[in-house]
Amino acid sequence: MANGRPLFAGTSETDQLDRIFRSLGTPDETVYAQIAELPEYKSDFAVYPRPDSLASLVPTMDELGCNLMQKMIHFDPAKRVTAQDAMQDQYFDDLSDAIKNLGDHK
């Protein structure tokens, strides 16, 4: 969310995907190897280039925040950071360990 609004506020599933792809680039097998195996995958999605940075999506976010966001929004779920690992990211270094480890059941 940016400024209390969703980053990609689509009006339908198709519009939602188009907004995501415009902002993040259209995923292909180099980004998500199993993408063509997804049940709703369409080979004729509009192709948009990947941006060099996510800073334009949330201009008020600092570099650490953008780096964490990049880890959180990978198309490939296997490459996405877990919530637990995200809490250990440098972005949250100013939080106490007690806060960062809430919900940690190790």
PDB file of N, CA and C in Angstrom:
ATOM      1  N   MET A   1       0.828  -1.185   0.000  1.00  0.00           N
ATOM      2  CA  MET A   1       0.000   0.000   0.000  1.00  0.00           C
ATOM      3  C   MET A   1       0.873   1.248   0.000  1.00  0.00           C
ATOM      4  N   ALA A   2       0.417   2.231  -0.677  1.00  0.00           N
ATOM      5  CA  ALA A   2       1.117   3.509  -0.737  1.00  0.00           C
ATOM      6  C   ALA A   2       0.147   4.601  -0.331  1.00  0.00           C
ATOM      7  N   ASN A   3       0.521   5.346   0.680  1.00  0.00           N
ATOM      8  CA  ASN A   3      -0.346   6.421   1.172  1.00  0.00           C
ATOM      9  C   ASN A   3      -1.740   5.906   1.518  1.00  0.00           C
ATOM     10  N   GLY A   4      -1.810   4.699   2.049  1.00  0.00           N
ATOM     11  CA  GLY A   4      -3.086   4.127   2.443  1.00  0.00           C
ATOM     12  C   GLY A   4      -3.884   3.543   1.291  1.00  0.00           C
ATOM     13  N   ARG A   5      -3.308   3.505   0.107  1.00  0.00           N
ATOM     14  CA  ARG A   5      -3.999   2.961  -1.073  1.00  0.00           C
ATOM     15  C   ARG A   5      -3.214   1.773  -1.598  1.00  0.00           C
ATOM     16  N   PRO A   6      -3.914   0.819  -2.201  1.00  0.00           N
ATOM     17  CA  PRO A   6      -3.202  -0.316  -2.812  1.00  0.00           C
ATOM     18  C   PRO A   6      -2.268   0.180  -3.925  1.00  0.00           C
ATOM     19  N   LEU A   7      -1.155  -0.504  -4.088  1.00  0.00           N
ATOM     20  CA  LEU A   7      -0.242  -0.143  -5.187  1.00  0.00           C
ATOM     21  C   LEU A   7      -0.874  -0.427  -6.542  1.00  0.00           C
ATOM     22  N   PHE A   8      -1.619  -1.507  -6.624  1.00  0.00           N
ATOM     23  CA  PHE A   8      -2.177  -1.958  -7.903  1.00  0.00           C
ATOM     24  C   PHE A   8      -3.682  -2.155  -7.751  1.00  0.00           C
ATOM     25  N   ALA A   9      -4.436  -1.095  -7.839  1.00  0.00           N
ATOM     26  CA  ALA A   9      -5.878  -1.146  -7.618  1.00  0.00           C
ATOM     27  C   ALA A   9      -6.613  -1.387  -8.928  1.00  0.00           C
ATOM     28  N   GLY A  10      -6.681  -2.630  -9.343  1.00  0.00           N
ATOM     29  CA  GLY A  10      -7.369  -2.977 -10.571  1.00  0.00           C
ATOM     30  C   GLY A  10      -8.870  -3.072 -10.369  1.00  0.00           C
ATOM     31  N   THR A  11      -9.599  -2.955 -11.470  1.00  0.00           N
ATOM     32  CA  THR A  11     -11.058  -3.051 -11.417  1.00  0.00           C
ATOM     33  C   THR A  11     -11.548  -4.446 -11.771  1.00  0.00           C
ATOM     34  N   SER A  12     -10.650  -5.293 -12.247  1.00  0.00           N
ATOM     35  CA  SER A  12     -10.964  -6.685 -12.581  1.00  0.00           C
ATOM     36  C   SER A  12      -9.657  -7.470 -12.496  1.00  0.00           C
ATOM     37  N   GLU A  13      -9.729  -8.780 -12.615  1.00  0.00           N
ATOM     38  CA  GLU A  13      -8.492  -9.569 -12.582  1.00  0.00           C
ATOM     39  C   GLU A  13      -7.568  -9.183 -13.729  1.00  0.00           C
ATOM     40  N   THR A  14      -8.124  -9.001 -14.900  1.00  0.00           N
ATOM     41  CA  THR A  14      -7.321  -8.634 -16.066  1.00  0.00           C
ATOM     42  C   THR A  14      -6.685  -7.263 -15.879  1.00  0.00           C
ATOM     43  N   ASP A  15      -7.469  -6.306 -15.398  1.00  0.00           N
ATOM     44  CA  ASP A  15      -6.943  -4.960 -15.152  1.00  0.00           C
ATOM     45  C   ASP A  15      -5.889  -4.996 -14.059  1.00  0.00           C
ATOM     46  N   GLN A  16      -6.125  -5.790 -13.025  1.00  0.00           N
ATOM     47  CA  GLN A  16      -5.160  -5.915 -11.922  1.00  0.00           C
ATOM     48  C   GLN A  16      -3.816  -6.413 -12.450  1.00  0.00           C
ATOM     49  N   LEU A  17      -3.839  -7.496 -13.236  1.00  0.00           N
ATOM     50  CA  LEU A  17      -2.597  -8.025 -13.802  1.00  0.00           C
ATOM     51  C   LEU A  17      -1.915  -7.008 -14.707  1.00  0.00           C
ATOM     52  N   ASP A  18      -2.689  -6.319 -15.517  1.00  0.00           N
ATOM     53  CA  ASP A  18      -2.101  -5.331 -16.412  1.00  0.00           C
ATOM     54  C   ASP A  18      -1.407  -4.225 -15.615  1.00  0.00           C
ATOM     55  N   ARG A  19      -2.006  -3.781 -14.534  1.00  0.00           N
ATOM     56  CA  ARG A  19      -1.397  -2.739 -13.701  1.00  0.00           C
ATOM     57  C   ARG A  19      -0.101  -3.245 -13.052  1.00  0.00           C
ATOM     58  N   ILE A  20      -0.127  -4.485 -12.582  1.00  0.00           N
ATOM     59  CA  ILE A  20       1.072  -5.078 -11.976  1.00  0.00           C
ATOM     60  C   ILE A  20       2.177  -5.197 -13.016  1.00  0.00           C
ATOM     61  N   PHE A  21       1.834  -5.729 -14.185  1.00  0.00           N
ATOM     62  CA  PHE A  21       2.838  -5.924 -15.229  1.00  0.00           C
ATOM     63  C   PHE A  21       3.394  -4.595 -15.732  1.00  0.00           C
ATOM     64  N   ARG A  22       2.556  -3.565 -15.835  1.00  0.00           N
ATOM     65  CA  ARG A  22       3.040  -2.236 -16.249  1.00  0.00           C
ATOM     66  C   ARG A  22       4.068  -1.704 -15.251  1.00  0.00           C
ATOM     67  N   SER A  23       3.834  -1.976 -13.978  1.00  0.00           N
ATOM     68  CA  SER A  23       4.706  -1.449 -12.927  1.00  0.00           C
ATOM     69  C   SER A  23       5.953  -2.292 -12.691  1.00  0.00           C
ATOM     70  N   LEU A  24       5.800  -3.625 -12.772  1.00  0.00           N
ATOM     71  CA  LEU A  24       6.893  -4.528 -12.420  1.00  0.00           C
ATOM     72  C   LEU A  24       7.519  -5.230 -13.613  1.00  0.00           C
ATOM     73  N   GLY A  25       6.924  -5.074 -14.778  1.00  0.00           N
ATOM     74  CA  GLY A  25       7.373  -5.808 -15.954  1.00  0.00           C
ATOM     75  C   GLY A  25       6.595  -7.108 -16.067  1.00  0.00           C
ATOM     76  N   THR A  26       6.374  -7.542 -17.275  1.00  0.00           N
ATOM     77  CA  THR A  26       5.658  -8.797 -17.497  1.00  0.00           C
ATOM     78  C   THR A  26       6.604  -9.951 -17.200  1.00  0.00           C
ATOM     79  N   PRO A  27       6.191 -10.859 -16.321  1.00  0.00           N
ATOM     80  CA  PRO A  27       7.081 -11.969 -15.978  1.00  0.00           C
ATOM     81  C   PRO A  27       7.197 -12.965 -17.128  1.00  0.00           C
ATOM     82  N   ASP A  28       8.349 -13.578 -17.216  1.00  0.00           N
ATOM     83  CA  ASP A  28       8.576 -14.657 -18.179  1.00  0.00           C
ATOM     84  C   ASP A  28       9.345 -15.759 -17.464  1.00  0.00           C
ATOM     85  N   GLU A  29       9.789 -16.760 -18.207  1.00  0.00           N
ATOM     86  CA  GLU A  29      10.458 -17.909 -17.601  1.00  0.00           C
ATOM     87  C   GLU A  29      11.785 -17.540 -16.922  1.00  0.00           C
ATOM     88  N   THR A  30      12.383 -16.418 -17.311  1.00  0.00           N
ATOM     89  CA  THR A  30      13.629 -16.016 -16.644  1.00  0.00           C
ATOM     90  C   THR A  30      13.354 -15.465 -15.248  1.00  0.00           C
ATOM     91  N   VAL A  31      12.144 -14.972 -15.016  1.00  0.00           N
ATOM     92  CA  VAL A  31      11.751 -14.413 -13.730  1.00  0.00           C
ATOM     93  C   VAL A  31      11.061 -15.467 -12.871  1.00  0.00           C
ATOM     94  N   TYR A  32      10.256 -16.311 -13.522  1.00  0.00           N
ATOM     95  CA  TYR A  32       9.462 -17.318 -12.826  1.00  0.00           C
ATOM     96  C   TYR A  32       9.411 -18.547 -13.741  1.00  0.00           C
ATOM     97  N   ALA A  33      10.286 -19.492 -13.488  1.00  0.00           N
ATOM     98  CA  ALA A  33      10.485 -20.626 -14.395  1.00  0.00           C
ATOM     99  C   ALA A  33       9.206 -21.410 -14.684  1.00  0.00           C
ATOM    100  N   GLN A  34       8.307 -21.522 -13.719  1.00  0.00           N
ATOM    101  CA  GLN A  34       7.091 -22.321 -13.904  1.00  0.00           C
ATOM    102  C   GLN A  34       5.874 -21.485 -14.304  1.00  0.00           C
ATOM    103  N   ILE A  35       6.079 -20.270 -14.727  1.00  0.00           N
ATOM    104  CA  ILE A  35       4.937 -19.397 -15.006  1.00  0.00           C
ATOM    105  C   ILE A  35       3.985 -19.971 -16.051  1.00  0.00           C
ATOM    106  N   ALA A  36       4.511 -20.600 -17.078  1.00  0.00           N
ATOM    107  CA  ALA A  36       3.656 -21.145 -18.140  1.00  0.00           C
ATOM    108  C   ALA A  36       2.804 -22.312 -17.648  1.00  0.00           C
ATOM    109  N   GLU A  37       3.138 -22.879 -16.499  1.00  0.00           N
ATOM    110  CA  GLU A  37       2.373 -23.991 -15.939  1.00  0.00           C
ATOM    111  C   GLU A  37       1.193 -23.528 -15.092  1.00  0.00           C
ATOM    112  N   LEU A  38       1.116 -22.250 -14.798  1.00  0.00           N
ATOM    113  CA  LEU A  38       0.010 -21.738 -13.989  1.00  0.00           C
ATOM    114  C   LEU A  38      -1.297 -21.860 -14.757  1.00  0.00           C
ATOM    115  N   PRO A  39      -2.392 -22.238 -14.088  1.00  0.00           N
ATOM    116  CA  PRO A  39      -3.650 -22.489 -14.783  1.00  0.00           C
ATOM    117  C   PRO A  39      -4.218 -21.283 -15.529  1.00  0.00           C
ATOM    118  N   GLU A  40      -3.994 -20.092 -15.028  1.00  0.00           N
ATOM    119  CA  GLU A  40      -4.539 -18.891 -15.670  1.00  0.00           C
ATOM    120  C   GLU A  40      -3.529 -18.179 -16.573  1.00  0.00           C
ATOM    121  N   TYR A  41      -2.361 -18.804 -16.798  1.00  0.00           N
ATOM    122  CA  TYR A  41      -1.326 -18.181 -17.623  1.00  0.00           C
ATOM    123  C   TYR A  41      -1.803 -18.036 -19.058  1.00  0.00           C
ATOM    124  N   LYS A  42      -1.509 -16.886 -19.631  1.00  0.00           N
ATOM    125  CA  LYS A  42      -1.830 -16.632 -21.041  1.00  0.00           C
ATOM    126  C   LYS A  42      -0.556 -16.151 -21.723  1.00  0.00           C
ATOM    127  N   SER A  43      -0.233 -16.767 -22.809  1.00  0.00           N
ATOM    128  CA  SER A  43       0.996 -16.399 -23.516  1.00  0.00           C
ATOM    129  C   SER A  43       0.864 -15.060 -24.242  1.00  0.00           C
ATOM    130  N   ASP A  44      -0.352 -14.519 -24.296  1.00  0.00           N
ATOM    131  CA  ASP A  44      -0.543 -13.259 -25.018  1.00  0.00           C
ATOM    132  C   ASP A  44      -0.725 -12.045 -24.089  1.00  0.00           C
ATOM    133  N   PHE A  45      -0.257 -12.165 -22.829  1.00  0.00           N
ATOM    134  CA  PHE A  45      -0.260 -10.984 -21.966  1.00  0.00           C
ATOM    135  C   PHE A  45       0.575  -9.902 -22.627  1.00  0.00           C
ATOM    136  N   ALA A  46       0.164  -8.655 -22.443  1.00  0.00           N
ATOM    137  CA  ALA A  46       0.977  -7.536 -22.943  1.00  0.00           C
ATOM    138  C   ALA A  46       2.349  -7.595 -22.267  1.00  0.00           C
ATOM    139  N   VAL A  47       3.385  -7.306 -23.040  1.00  0.00           N
ATOM    140  CA  VAL A  47       4.749  -7.387 -22.517  1.00  0.00           C
ATOM    141  C   VAL A  47       5.244  -5.980 -22.171  1.00  0.00           C
ATOM    142  N   TYR A  48       5.567  -5.820 -20.889  1.00  0.00           N
ATOM    143  CA  TYR A  48       6.112  -4.563 -20.393  1.00  0.00           C
ATOM    144  C   TYR A  48       7.508  -4.829 -19.838  1.00  0.00           C
ATOM    145  N   PRO A  49       8.441  -3.886 -20.006  1.00  0.00           N
ATOM    146  CA  PRO A  49       9.807  -4.083 -19.493  1.00  0.00           C
ATOM    147  C   PRO A  49       9.850  -3.975 -17.970  1.00  0.00           C
ATOM    148  N   ARG A  50      10.825  -4.667 -17.379  1.00  0.00           N
ATOM    149  CA  ARG A  50      11.053  -4.563 -15.932  1.00  0.00           C
ATOM    150  C   ARG A  50      11.735  -3.232 -15.631  1.00  0.00           C
ATOM    151  N   PRO A  51      11.300  -2.557 -14.585  1.00  0.00           N
ATOM    152  CA  PRO A  51      11.950  -1.288 -14.229  1.00  0.00           C
ATOM    153  C   PRO A  51      13.303  -1.546 -13.577  1.00  0.00           C
ATOM    154  N   ASP A  52      14.172  -0.564 -13.638  1.00  0.00           N
ATOM    155  CA  ASP A  52      15.475  -0.663 -12.972  1.00  0.00           C
ATOM    156  C   ASP A  52      15.321  -0.589 -11.458  1.00  0.00           C
ATOM    157  N   SER A  53      14.279   0.095 -11.012  1.00  0.00           N
ATOM    158  CA  SER A  53      14.069   0.317  -9.580  1.00  0.00           C
ATOM    159  C   SER A  53      12.574   0.392  -9.299  1.00  0.00           C
ATOM    160  N   LEU A  54      12.213   0.108  -8.066  1.00  0.00           N
ATOM    161  CA  LEU A  54      10.817   0.234  -7.652  1.00  0.00           C
ATOM    162  C   LEU A  54      10.531   1.594  -7.033  1.00  0.00           C
ATOM    163  N   ALA A  55      11.527   2.458  -6.988  1.00  0.00           N
ATOM    164  CA  ALA A  55      11.386   3.759  -6.337  1.00  0.00           C
ATOM    165  C   ALA A  55      10.225   4.570  -6.921  1.00  0.00           C
ATOM    166  N   SER A  56       9.936   4.429  -8.191  1.00  0.00           N
ATOM    167  CA  SER A  56       8.858   5.220  -8.791  1.00  0.00           C
ATOM    168  C   SER A  56       7.480   4.770  -8.306  1.00  0.00           C
ATOM    169  N   LEU A  57       7.368   3.532  -7.821  1.00  0.00           N
ATOM    170  CA  LEU A  57       6.082   3.055  -7.306  1.00  0.00           C
ATOM    171  C   LEU A  57       5.707   3.755  -6.006  1.00  0.00           C
ATOM    172  N   VAL A  58       6.684   3.950  -5.162  1.00  0.00           N
ATOM    173  CA  VAL A  58       6.466   4.600  -3.866  1.00  0.00           C
ATOM    174  C   VAL A  58       7.587   5.635  -3.689  1.00  0.00           C
ATOM    175  N   PRO A  59       7.434   6.804  -4.292  1.00  0.00           N
ATOM    176  CA  PRO A  59       8.507   7.798  -4.296  1.00  0.00           C
ATOM    177  C   PRO A  59       8.960   8.245  -2.913  1.00  0.00           C
ATOM    178  N   THR A  60       8.110   8.119  -1.913  1.00  0.00           N
ATOM    179  CA  THR A  60       8.484   8.563  -0.568  1.00  0.00           C
ATOM    180  C   THR A  60       9.237   7.491   0.212  1.00  0.00           C
ATOM    181  N   MET A  61       9.371   6.292  -0.356  1.00  0.00           N
ATOM    182  CA  MET A  61      10.065   5.207   0.344  1.00  0.00           C
ATOM    183  C   MET A  61      11.568   5.306   0.110  1.00  0.00           C
ATOM    184  N   ASP A  62      12.334   5.082   1.170  1.00  0.00           N
ATOM    185  CA  ASP A  62      13.786   5.143   1.039  1.00  0.00           C
ATOM    186  C   ASP A  62      14.329   3.875   0.378  1.00  0.00           C
ATOM    187  N   GLU A  63      15.620   3.881   0.123  1.00  0.00           N
ATOM    188  CA  GLU A  63      16.257   2.765  -0.591  1.00  0.00           C
ATOM    189  C   GLU A  63      16.095   1.436   0.157  1.00  0.00           C
ATOM    190  N   LEU A  64      16.232   1.456   1.485  1.00  0.00           N
ATOM    191  CA  LEU A  64      16.065   0.221   2.260  1.00  0.00           C
ATOM    192  C   LEU A  64      14.654  -0.327   2.106  1.00  0.00           C
ATOM    193  N   GLY A  65      13.660   0.561   2.136  1.00  0.00           N
ATOM    194  CA  GLY A  65      12.273   0.135   1.953  1.00  0.00           C
ATOM    195  C   GLY A  65      12.045  -0.443   0.572  1.00  0.00           C
ATOM    196  N   CYS A  66      12.606   0.184  -0.443  1.00  0.00           N
ATOM    197  CA  CYS A  66      12.466  -0.321  -1.821  1.00  0.00           C
ATOM    198  C   CYS A  66      13.128  -1.690  -1.965  1.00  0.00           C
ATOM    199  N   ASN A  67      14.291  -1.862  -1.336  1.00  0.00           N
ATOM    200  CA  ASN A  67      14.969  -3.158  -1.404  1.00  0.00           C
ATOM    201  C   ASN A  67      14.134  -4.253  -0.751  1.00  0.00           C
ATOM    202  N   LEU A  68      13.526  -3.950   0.398  1.00  0.00           N
ATOM    203  CA  LEU A  68      12.673  -4.935   1.062  1.00  0.00           C
ATOM    204  C   LEU A  68      11.428  -5.219   0.226  1.00  0.00           C
ATOM    205  N   MET A  69      10.833  -4.175  -0.327  1.00  0.00           N
ATOM    206  CA  MET A  69       9.649  -4.375  -1.161  1.00  0.00           C
ATOM    207  C   MET A  69       9.979  -5.281  -2.345  1.00  0.00           C
ATOM    208  N   GLN A  70      11.146  -5.096  -2.937  1.00  0.00           N
ATOM    209  CA  GLN A  70      11.562  -5.946  -4.058  1.00  0.00           C
ATOM    210  C   GLN A  70      11.592  -7.410  -3.638  1.00  0.00           C
ATOM    211  N   LYS A  71      12.076  -7.679  -2.428  1.00  0.00           N
ATOM    212  CA  LYS A  71      12.134  -9.052  -1.928  1.00  0.00           C
ATOM    213  C   LYS A  71      10.733  -9.620  -1.682  1.00  0.00           C
ATOM    214  N   MET A  72       9.784  -8.742  -1.374  1.00  0.00           N
ATOM    215  CA  MET A  72       8.442  -9.176  -1.008  1.00  0.00           C
ATOM    216  C   MET A  72       7.525  -9.406  -2.211  1.00  0.00           C
ATOM    217  N   ILE A  73       7.844  -8.827  -3.347  1.00  0.00           N
ATOM    218  CA  ILE A  73       6.904  -8.906  -4.466  1.00  0.00           C
ATOM    219  C   ILE A  73       7.423  -9.702  -5.652  1.00  0.00           C
ATOM    220  N   HIS A  74       8.353 -10.595  -5.406  1.00  0.00           N
ATOM    221  CA  HIS A  74       8.801 -11.482  -6.484  1.00  0.00           C
ATOM    222  C   HIS A  74       7.602 -12.218  -7.069  1.00  0.00           C
ATOM    223  N   PHE A  75       7.579 -12.381  -8.364  1.00  0.00           N
ATOM    224  CA  PHE A  75       6.519 -13.170  -8.991  1.00  0.00           C
ATOM    225  C   PHE A  75       6.609 -14.627  -8.554  1.00  0.00           C
ATOM    226  N   ASP A  76       7.819 -15.150  -8.473  1.00  0.00           N
ATOM    227  CA  ASP A  76       8.029 -16.546  -8.085  1.00  0.00           C
ATOM    228  C   ASP A  76       7.919 -16.652  -6.566  1.00  0.00           C
ATOM    229  N   PRO A  77       6.895 -17.339  -6.059  1.00  0.00           N
ATOM    230  CA  PRO A  77       6.725 -17.421  -4.612  1.00  0.00           C
ATOM    231  C   PRO A  77       7.917 -18.058  -3.896  1.00  0.00           C
ATOM    232  N   ALA A  78       8.648 -18.935  -4.565  1.00  0.00           N
ATOM    233  CA  ALA A  78       9.812 -19.575  -3.945  1.00  0.00           C
ATOM    234  C   ALA A  78      10.936 -18.570  -3.697  1.00  0.00           C
ATOM    235  N   LYS A  79      10.926 -17.459  -4.404  1.00  0.00           N
ATOM    236  CA  LYS A  79      11.959 -16.434  -4.245  1.00  0.00           C
ATOM    237  C   LYS A  79      11.522 -15.291  -3.335  1.00  0.00           C
ATOM    238  N   ARG A  80      10.237 -15.271  -2.954  1.00  0.00           N
ATOM    239  CA  ARG A  80       9.719 -14.228  -2.070  1.00  0.00           C
ATOM    240  C   ARG A  80      10.227 -14.416  -0.657  1.00  0.00           C
ATOM    241  N   VAL A  81      10.584 -13.334  -0.004  1.00  0.00           N
ATOM    242  CA  VAL A  81      11.025 -13.377   1.385  1.00  0.00           C
ATOM    243  C   VAL A  81       9.825 -13.756   2.257  1.00  0.00           C
ATOM    244  N   THR A  82      10.073 -14.540   3.282  1.00  0.00           N
ATOM    245  CA  THR A  82       9.012 -14.863   4.225  1.00  0.00           C
ATOM    246  C   THR A  82       8.789 -13.659   5.139  1.00  0.00           C
ATOM    247  N   ALA A  83       7.639 -13.608   5.776  1.00  0.00           N
ATOM    248  CA  ALA A  83       7.363 -12.510   6.709  1.00  0.00           C
ATOM    249  C   ALA A  83       8.384 -12.515   7.841  1.00  0.00           C
ATOM    250  N   GLN A  84       8.709 -13.701   8.321  1.00  0.00           N
ATOM    251  CA  GLN A  84       9.682 -13.815   9.411  1.00  0.00           C
ATOM    252  C   GLN A  84      11.051 -13.289   8.975  1.00  0.00           C
ATOM    253  N   ASP A  85      11.495 -13.665   7.782  1.00  0.00           N
ATOM    254  CA  ASP A  85      12.782 -13.180   7.295  1.00  0.00           C
ATOM    255  C   ASP A  85      12.729 -11.683   6.969  1.00  0.00           C
ATOM    256  N   ALA A  86      11.580 -11.212   6.492  1.00  0.00           N
ATOM    257  CA  ALA A  86      11.449  -9.782   6.199  1.00  0.00           C
ATOM    258  C   ALA A  86      11.637  -8.952   7.457  1.00  0.00           C
ATOM    259  N   MET A  87      11.163  -9.448   8.574  1.00  0.00           N
ATOM    260  CA  MET A  87      11.315  -8.714   9.833  1.00  0.00           C
ATOM    261  C   MET A  87      12.779  -8.590  10.260  1.00  0.00           C
ATOM    262  N   GLN A  88      13.634  -9.443   9.732  1.00  0.00           N
ATOM    263  CA  GLN A  88      15.059  -9.377  10.059  1.00  0.00           C
ATOM    264  C   GLN A  88      15.827  -8.508   9.058  1.00  0.00           C
ATOM    265  N   ASP A  89      15.127  -7.958   8.074  1.00  0.00           N
ATOM    266  CA  ASP A  89      15.762  -7.135   7.053  1.00  0.00           C
ATOM    267  C   ASP A  89      16.324  -5.849   7.662  1.00  0.00           C
ATOM    268  N   GLN A  90      17.338  -5.326   7.010  1.00  0.00           N
ATOM    269  CA  GLN A  90      18.005  -4.091   7.445  1.00  0.00           C
ATOM    270  C   GLN A  90      17.007  -2.937   7.594  1.00  0.00           C
ATOM    271  N   TYR A  91      15.932  -2.965   6.840  1.00  0.00           N
ATOM    272  CA  TYR A  91      14.909  -1.911   6.920  1.00  0.00           C
ATOM    273  C   TYR A  91      14.378  -1.762   8.347  1.00  0.00           C
ATOM    274  N   PHE A  92      14.320  -2.861   9.080  1.00  0.00           N
ATOM    275  CA  PHE A  92      13.767  -2.857  10.432  1.00  0.00           C
ATOM    276  C   PHE A  92      14.832  -2.820  11.524  1.00  0.00           C
ATOM    277  N   ASP A  93      16.055  -2.471  11.187  1.00  0.00           N
ATOM    278  CA  ASP A  93      17.138  -2.462  12.179  1.00  0.00           C
ATOM    279  C   ASP A  93      16.859  -1.570  13.384  1.00  0.00           C
ATOM    280  N   ASP A  94      16.038  -0.554  13.230  1.00  0.00           N
ATOM    281  CA  ASP A  94      15.781   0.338  14.358  1.00  0.00           C
ATOM    282  C   ASP A  94      14.717  -0.206  15.322  1.00  0.00           C
ATOM    283  N   LEU A  95      14.100  -1.343  14.982  1.00  0.00           N
ATOM    284  CA  LEU A  95      13.136  -1.980  15.885  1.00  0.00           C
ATOM    285  C   LEU A  95      13.855  -2.871  16.889  1.00  0.00           C
ATOM    286  N   SER A  96      13.266  -3.022  18.043  1.00  0.00           N
ATOM    287  CA  SER A  96      13.863  -3.908  19.044  1.00  0.00           C
ATOM    288  C   SER A  96      13.723  -5.358  18.592  1.00  0.00           C
ATOM    289  N   ASP A  97      14.604  -6.219  19.086  1.00  0.00           N
ATOM    290  CA  ASP A  97      14.528  -7.649  18.762  1.00  0.00           C
ATOM    291  C   ASP A  97      13.196  -8.234  19.203  1.00  0.00           C
ATOM    292  N   ALA A  98      12.657  -7.747  20.318  1.00  0.00           N
ATOM    293  CA  ALA A  98      11.365  -8.249  20.798  1.00  0.00           C
ATOM    294  C   ALA A  98      10.268  -8.005  19.767  1.00  0.00           C
ATOM    295  N   ILE A  99      10.269  -6.855  19.160  1.00  0.00           N
ATOM    296  CA  ILE A  99       9.282  -6.539  18.130  1.00  0.00           C
ATOM    297  C   ILE A  99       9.546  -7.383  16.879  1.00  0.00           C
ATOM    298  N   LYS A 100      10.801  -7.432  16.443  1.00  0.00           N
ATOM    299  CA  LYS A 100      11.140  -8.166  15.222  1.00  0.00           C
ATOM    300  C   LYS A 100      10.853  -9.657  15.347  1.00  0.00           C
ATOM    301  N   ASN A 101      10.861 -10.183  16.551  1.00  0.00           N
ATOM    302  CA  ASN A 101      10.660 -11.625  16.755  1.00  0.00           C
ATOM    303  C   ASN A 101       9.263 -11.976  17.224  1.00  0.00           C
ATOM    304  N   LEU A 102       8.320 -11.039  17.190  1.00  0.00           N
ATOM    305  CA  LEU A 102       6.938 -11.355  17.544  1.00  0.00           C
ATOM    306  C   LEU A 102       6.432 -12.476  16.655  1.00  0.00           C
ATOM    307  N   GLY A 103       5.802 -13.441  17.240  1.00  0.00           N
ATOM    308  CA  GLY A 103       5.269 -14.556  16.462  1.00  0.00           C
ATOM    309  C   GLY A 103       6.301 -15.608  16.124  1.00  0.00           C
ATOM    310  N   ASP A 104       7.548 -15.399  16.513  1.00  0.00           N
ATOM    311  CA  ASP A 104       8.606 -16.375  16.242  1.00  0.00           C
ATOM    312  C   ASP A 104       8.424 -17.538  17.207  1.00  0.00           C
ATOM    313  N   HIS A 105       8.145 -18.715  16.665  1.00  0.00           N
ATOM    314  CA  HIS A 105       7.865 -19.889  17.499  1.00  0.00           C
ATOM    315  C   HIS A 105       8.982 -20.922  17.431  1.00  0.00           C
ATOM    316  N   LYS A 106      10.212 -20.476  17.313  1.00  0.00           N
ATOM    317  CA  LYS A 106      11.337 -21.416  17.226  1.00  0.00           C
ATOM    318  C   LYS A 106      11.638 -22.010  18.561  1.00  0.00           C
TER     319      LYS A 106
END
